[in-house]
Each structure stands twice: as structure tokens, then as C-alpha cells.
Amino acid sequence: MRRLRELRREKVTLTAFSDEDMEAIAKKLGLYDDIKCGNAKCIICGGMVTFENLGAFLKLGSEIKTVCDDSKCLYKAIIIARELKH
């Protein structure tokens, strides 16, 4: 539990994008059709990701995955991204 508290105190740098840019970014990443058609899933919880609940894009190897906007999923995605950097 102590480690979790320590992680919550650390500063995390995130690249943010506006709602207006979301569709353009999804198109550029080749994810637009999956998100629009309801085929995109959150890599963390497995729930459906739409443009209304898209929280993040997560690069895993050569693939880009979607993450929903649930705070627990976003937090776990941050941890994964941090571990992949090291």
C-alpha cells in the first residue's frame, strides 16, 4: 500500500489532445473505424471505447491500443507506459 501512495505523489507528464483533434488523431493512427463502429476495446478493462469515452492511446510495441476514460484504467495505462520507457 505504501508503494501505491508513493506512485500517486509522483508527477506524470501526459500528452493531451482536444476533443476536436480526437477523430483526426484516431484516423492518423488507423483506429478511427474501430472506434466509430464500436470495435475498439480498452486494453485495461476490456470495455468498449467510443469517441465519448476515449481516454488515451497507449503504444505497446508497434501497436497503438485504446484506453477508456475511467480513472483506474488511465492510472494503470500510465504505469504501463512508464514501465515500458525504462
C-alpha atoms as a PDB file:
ATOM      1  CA  MET A   1       0.000   0.000   0.000  1.00  0.00           C
ATOM      2  CA  ARG A   2       2.878   2.323   0.715  1.00  0.00           C
ATOM      3  CA  ARG A   3       4.230   1.996  -2.845  1.00  0.00           C
ATOM      4  CA  LEU A   4       0.811   2.908  -4.260  1.00  0.00           C
ATOM      5  CA  ARG A   5       0.760   6.090  -2.167  1.00  0.00           C
ATOM      6  CA  GLU A   6       4.257   6.948  -3.367  1.00  0.00           C
ATOM      7  CA  LEU A   7       3.214   6.465  -7.010  1.00  0.00           C
ATOM      8  CA  ARG A   8       0.256   8.786  -6.559  1.00  0.00           C
ATOM      9  CA  ARG A   9       2.588  11.545  -5.398  1.00  0.00           C
ATOM     10  CA  GLU A  10       4.862  11.320  -8.420  1.00  0.00           C
ATOM     11  CA  LYS A  11       4.419  13.793 -11.233  1.00  0.00           C
ATOM     12  CA  VAL A  12       3.356  12.297 -14.529  1.00  0.00           C
ATOM     13  CA  THR A  13       3.748  14.002 -17.898  1.00  0.00           C
ATOM     14  CA  LEU A  14       0.911  13.330 -20.321  1.00  0.00           C
ATOM     15  CA  THR A  15       0.389  14.438 -23.874  1.00  0.00           C
ATOM     16  CA  ALA A  16      -3.130  15.817 -24.072  1.00  0.00           C
ATOM     17  CA  PHE A  17      -5.340  16.378 -27.083  1.00  0.00           C
ATOM     18  CA  SER A  18      -8.578  18.267 -27.516  1.00  0.00           C
ATOM     19  CA  ASP A  19     -11.925  16.735 -28.410  1.00  0.00           C
ATOM     20  CA  GLU A  20     -11.664  18.404 -31.809  1.00  0.00           C
ATOM     21  CA  ASP A  21      -8.392  16.597 -32.525  1.00  0.00           C
ATOM     22  CA  MET A  22      -9.511  13.168 -31.303  1.00  0.00           C
ATOM     23  CA  GLU A  23     -11.001  11.946 -34.582  1.00  0.00           C
ATOM     24  CA  ALA A  24      -8.080  13.256 -36.643  1.00  0.00           C
ATOM     25  CA  ILE A  25      -5.579  11.524 -34.350  1.00  0.00           C
ATOM     26  CA  ALA A  26      -7.594   8.276 -34.474  1.00  0.00           C
ATOM     27  CA  LYS A  27      -7.609   8.456 -38.281  1.00  0.00           C
ATOM     28  CA  LYS A  28      -3.852   9.047 -38.367  1.00  0.00           C
ATOM     29  CA  LEU A  29      -3.312   6.049 -36.073  1.00  0.00           C
ATOM     30  CA  GLY A  30      -5.635   3.841 -38.131  1.00  0.00           C
ATOM     31  CA  LEU A  31      -8.093   3.434 -35.245  1.00  0.00           C
ATOM     32  CA  TYR A  32     -10.938   5.648 -36.436  1.00  0.00           C
ATOM     33  CA  ASP A  33     -13.087   2.908 -37.986  1.00  0.00           C
ATOM     34  CA  ASP A  34     -12.744   0.585 -34.985  1.00  0.00           C
ATOM     35  CA  ILE A  35     -13.723   3.350 -32.575  1.00  0.00           C
ATOM     36  CA  LYS A  36     -16.568   4.625 -34.764  1.00  0.00           C
ATOM     37  CA  CYS A  37     -18.003   1.116 -35.333  1.00  0.00           C
ATOM     38  CA  GLY A  38     -17.769   0.062 -31.681  1.00  0.00           C
ATOM     39  CA  ASN A  39     -14.955  -2.444 -32.209  1.00  0.00           C
ATOM     40  CA  ALA A  40     -12.337  -0.670 -30.070  1.00  0.00           C
ATOM     41  CA  LYS A  41     -11.767  -2.076 -26.598  1.00  0.00           C
ATOM     42  CA  CYS A  42      -9.961  -0.659 -23.584  1.00  0.00           C
ATOM     43  CA  ILE A  43      -6.678  -2.521 -23.235  1.00  0.00           C
ATOM     44  CA  ILE A  44      -7.049  -2.363 -19.440  1.00  0.00           C
ATOM     45  CA  CYS A  45     -10.684  -3.248 -18.614  1.00  0.00           C
ATOM     46  CA  GLY A  46     -11.874  -4.656 -21.946  1.00  0.00           C
ATOM     47  CA  GLY A  47     -14.815  -2.253 -22.149  1.00  0.00           C
ATOM     48  CA  MET A  48     -15.915  -0.664 -25.411  1.00  0.00           C
ATOM     49  CA  VAL A  49     -14.142   2.588 -26.290  1.00  0.00           C
ATOM     50  CA  THR A  50     -16.072   5.248 -28.185  1.00  0.00           C
ATOM     51  CA  PHE A  51     -15.205   8.826 -29.015  1.00  0.00           C
ATOM     52  CA  GLU A  52     -17.301   9.816 -25.991  1.00  0.00           C
ATOM     53  CA  ASN A  53     -15.208   7.806 -23.503  1.00  0.00           C
ATOM     54  CA  LEU A  54     -11.793   7.657 -25.180  1.00  0.00           C
ATOM     55  CA  GLY A  55      -9.211   8.474 -22.532  1.00  0.00           C
ATOM     56  CA  ALA A  56      -5.849   7.676 -24.095  1.00  0.00           C
ATOM     57  CA  PHE A  57      -3.838   5.925 -26.754  1.00  0.00           C
ATOM     58  CA  LEU A  58      -1.186   3.541 -25.441  1.00  0.00           C
ATOM     59  CA  LYS A  59       1.724   2.321 -27.537  1.00  0.00           C
ATOM     60  CA  LEU A  60       2.552  -1.329 -26.885  1.00  0.00           C
ATOM     61  CA  GLY A  61       5.439  -2.364 -29.071  1.00  0.00           C
ATOM     62  CA  SER A  62       4.464  -1.482 -32.621  1.00  0.00           C
ATOM     63  CA  GLU A  63       0.736  -1.356 -31.840  1.00  0.00           C
ATOM     64  CA  ILE A  64      -1.396   1.512 -30.580  1.00  0.00           C
ATOM     65  CA  LYS A  65      -4.137   0.497 -28.157  1.00  0.00           C
ATOM     66  CA  THR A  66      -7.060   2.471 -26.777  1.00  0.00           C
ATOM     67  CA  VAL A  67      -7.800   3.180 -23.126  1.00  0.00           C
ATOM     68  CA  CYS A  68     -11.180   4.314 -21.805  1.00  0.00           C
ATOM     69  CA  ASP A  69     -11.567   7.402 -19.642  1.00  0.00           C
ATOM     70  CA  ASP A  70     -12.086   5.514 -16.371  1.00  0.00           C
ATOM     71  CA  SER A  71      -9.569   6.927 -13.889  1.00  0.00           C
ATOM     72  CA  LYS A  72      -8.425   3.444 -12.818  1.00  0.00           C
ATOM     73  CA  CYS A  73      -7.730   2.457 -16.418  1.00  0.00           C
ATOM     74  CA  LEU A  74      -5.884   5.699 -17.117  1.00  0.00           C
ATOM     75  CA  TYR A  75      -3.773   5.234 -13.996  1.00  0.00           C
ATOM     76  CA  LYS A  76      -2.853   1.677 -14.991  1.00  0.00           C
ATOM     77  CA  ALA A  77      -2.020   2.858 -18.522  1.00  0.00           C
ATOM     78  CA  ILE A  78       0.325   5.472 -17.060  1.00  0.00           C
ATOM     79  CA  ILE A  79       2.082   2.792 -15.020  1.00  0.00           C
ATOM     80  CA  ILE A  80       2.435   0.559 -18.098  1.00  0.00           C
ATOM     81  CA  ALA A  81       3.765   3.439 -20.216  1.00  0.00           C
ATOM     82  CA  ARG A  82       6.262   4.357 -17.503  1.00  0.00           C
ATOM     83  CA  GLU A  83       7.493   0.756 -17.217  1.00  0.00           C
ATOM     84  CA  LEU A  84       7.906   0.478 -20.986  1.00  0.00           C
ATOM     85  CA  LYS A  85      10.100   3.597 -21.005  1.00  0.00           C
ATOM     86  CA  HIS A  86      12.602   2.056 -18.577  1.00  0.00           C
END
